[in-house]
Amino acid sequence: MIVGWRRGDGRWLLIRRSRHVAAPLRVCFPGGAVETGEDRDVAAVREVREELGLAVQLIDRVWHHQFTDRNLTLWGYLAKPLDRTLRPDPNEVAEVLWLTGEQASSHPDMMPMTDRFVAALQRAAGDR
């Protein structure tokens, strides 16, 4: 699950992963894995809360990608915050970044497939 939130100036909330998690120091949208028996939507909200201390409301599931080289499917959501106070967990997040769609798509430390998720987010967000 990955979750996109665009603030009023058009920049998207991304994180640099901490050294203590998979893919250390890579840049990505907040998110993570679904726990056994957990609903995808519930997992998306939980992961944002765990990483950033932020409560969000999912607006729409806007994207998914099935990797062909491994048993992994990414589901991407457009969300809005229920508050605006970020409290990053240092065990999961090294840095909070606010990037334009172009910056996110081309960042040298970005996780794979981010450009496709950004395009889906931008189509879904429109003028919201």
Protein backbone atom coordinates (compact mmCIF):
# COMPACT_ATOMS: atom_id res chain seq x y z
CA MET A 1 0.00 0.00 0.00
CA ILE A 2 1.23 3.48 -0.82
CA VAL A 3 -0.58 6.71 -0.09
CA GLY A 4 -0.37 10.10 -1.79
CA TRP A 5 -1.41 13.41 -0.26
CA ARG A 6 -0.94 16.69 -2.13
CA ARG A 7 -0.90 19.88 -0.12
CA GLY A 8 -2.26 23.20 -1.39
CA ASP A 9 0.93 24.23 -3.21
CA GLY A 10 0.80 21.09 -5.37
CA ARG A 11 3.62 19.23 -3.63
CA TRP A 12 3.27 15.58 -2.61
CA LEU A 13 4.24 14.14 0.77
CA LEU A 14 7.05 11.59 0.47
CA ILE A 15 9.52 10.12 2.90
CA ARG A 16 13.11 8.98 2.94
CA ARG A 17 13.07 5.58 4.58
CA SER A 18 15.20 5.10 7.68
CA ARG A 19 18.27 2.88 7.83
CA HIS A 20 16.25 0.38 9.92
CA VAL A 21 13.72 -0.75 7.29
CA ALA A 22 13.75 -2.53 3.94
CA ALA A 23 15.15 -0.42 1.10
CA PRO A 24 17.01 1.87 3.52
CA LEU A 25 17.33 5.55 2.60
CA ARG A 26 15.21 5.20 -0.53
CA VAL A 27 12.56 7.84 -1.21
CA CYS A 28 8.94 6.76 -1.50
CA PHE A 29 5.37 7.57 -0.67
CA PRO A 30 4.27 6.54 2.82
CA GLY A 31 2.96 2.99 3.01
CA GLY A 32 3.76 -0.60 3.70
CA ALA A 33 2.55 -4.16 3.80
CA VAL A 34 -0.86 -5.60 4.54
CA GLU A 35 -0.85 -7.75 7.66
CA THR A 36 -2.43 -11.21 7.57
CA GLY A 37 -6.21 -10.88 7.51
CA GLU A 38 -6.08 -7.09 7.19
CA ASP A 39 -8.09 -5.13 4.63
CA ARG A 40 -5.97 -3.13 2.12
CA ASP A 41 -7.70 0.15 2.94
CA VAL A 42 -7.18 -0.37 6.67
CA ALA A 43 -3.51 -1.21 6.04
CA ALA A 44 -2.97 1.99 4.05
CA VAL A 45 -4.38 4.17 6.84
CA ARG A 46 -2.44 2.24 9.51
CA GLU A 47 0.87 2.52 7.67
CA VAL A 48 0.62 6.30 7.30
CA ARG A 49 -0.21 6.59 11.01
CA GLU A 50 2.73 4.33 11.97
CA GLU A 51 5.25 6.14 9.77
CA LEU A 52 4.13 9.74 10.17
CA GLY A 53 1.73 9.87 13.12
CA LEU A 54 -0.82 11.25 10.66
CA ALA A 55 -4.46 10.26 10.40
CA VAL A 56 -5.70 10.22 6.82
CA GLN A 57 -8.94 9.55 5.02
CA LEU A 58 -8.64 7.58 1.81
CA ILE A 59 -10.35 9.29 -1.11
CA ASP A 60 -9.85 6.69 -3.81
CA ARG A 61 -7.72 3.73 -4.82
CA VAL A 62 -6.10 5.15 -7.96
CA TRP A 63 -3.41 2.69 -9.02
CA HIS A 64 -2.01 -0.80 -8.72
CA HIS A 65 0.97 -2.65 -10.13
CA GLN A 66 1.69 -6.38 -10.14
CA PHE A 67 5.39 -7.13 -10.33
CA THR A 68 6.18 -9.99 -12.70
CA ASP A 69 9.48 -10.92 -11.07
CA ARG A 70 8.10 -11.41 -7.53
CA ASN A 71 4.87 -12.02 -5.70
CA LEU A 72 4.14 -8.37 -4.94
CA THR A 73 1.26 -6.08 -5.83
CA LEU A 74 1.33 -2.40 -5.00
CA TRP A 75 -1.95 -0.57 -4.39
CA GLY A 76 -1.88 3.22 -4.44
CA TYR A 77 -4.34 5.59 -2.81
CA LEU A 78 -5.14 9.27 -2.95
CA ALA A 79 -5.83 10.53 0.58
CA LYS A 80 -6.45 13.66 2.59
CA PRO A 81 -5.16 14.35 6.09
CA LEU A 82 -7.50 14.51 9.05
CA ASP A 83 -4.93 16.70 10.79
CA ARG A 84 -1.79 18.46 9.58
CA THR A 85 0.72 17.60 12.28
CA LEU A 86 3.41 15.19 11.11
CA ARG A 87 5.17 13.14 13.78
CA PRO A 88 7.62 10.95 11.83
CA ASP A 89 8.77 7.76 13.54
CA PRO A 90 12.60 7.88 13.34
CA ASN A 91 12.71 4.08 13.22
CA GLU A 92 10.84 4.22 9.90
CA VAL A 93 11.40 7.70 8.46
CA ALA A 94 14.72 9.50 8.05
CA GLU A 95 13.28 12.57 6.33
CA VAL A 96 9.97 14.07 5.21
CA LEU A 97 10.00 15.51 1.70
CA TRP A 98 7.49 17.68 -0.16
CA LEU A 99 8.10 17.22 -3.88
CA THR A 100 6.37 18.24 -7.07
CA GLY A 101 5.18 15.38 -9.25
CA GLU A 102 8.13 15.94 -11.57
CA GLN A 103 10.62 15.92 -8.69
CA ALA A 104 9.09 12.75 -7.27
CA SER A 105 9.14 10.99 -10.64
CA SER A 106 12.78 11.82 -11.30
CA HIS A 107 14.37 11.73 -7.84
CA PRO A 108 17.57 9.62 -7.96
CA ASP A 109 16.71 7.76 -4.74
CA MET A 110 13.10 7.03 -5.67
CA MET A 111 11.61 3.56 -5.43
CA PRO A 112 10.65 1.85 -8.73
CA MET A 113 7.27 2.58 -10.32
CA THR A 114 6.88 5.92 -8.54
CA ASP A 115 6.51 7.80 -11.82
CA ARG A 116 3.46 5.69 -12.70
CA PHE A 117 1.90 6.23 -9.28
CA VAL A 118 2.51 9.99 -9.52
CA ALA A 119 0.78 10.08 -12.92
CA ALA A 120 -2.22 8.20 -11.48
CA LEU A 121 -2.34 10.53 -8.46
CA GLN A 122 -2.27 13.61 -10.63
CA ARG A 123 -5.07 12.30 -12.85
CA ALA A 124 -7.15 11.43 -9.79
CA ALA A 125 -6.44 14.61 -7.83
CA GLY A 126 -7.30 16.98 -10.66
CA ASP A 127 -8.35 20.21 -9.02
CA ARG A 128 -9.28 18.72 -5.63
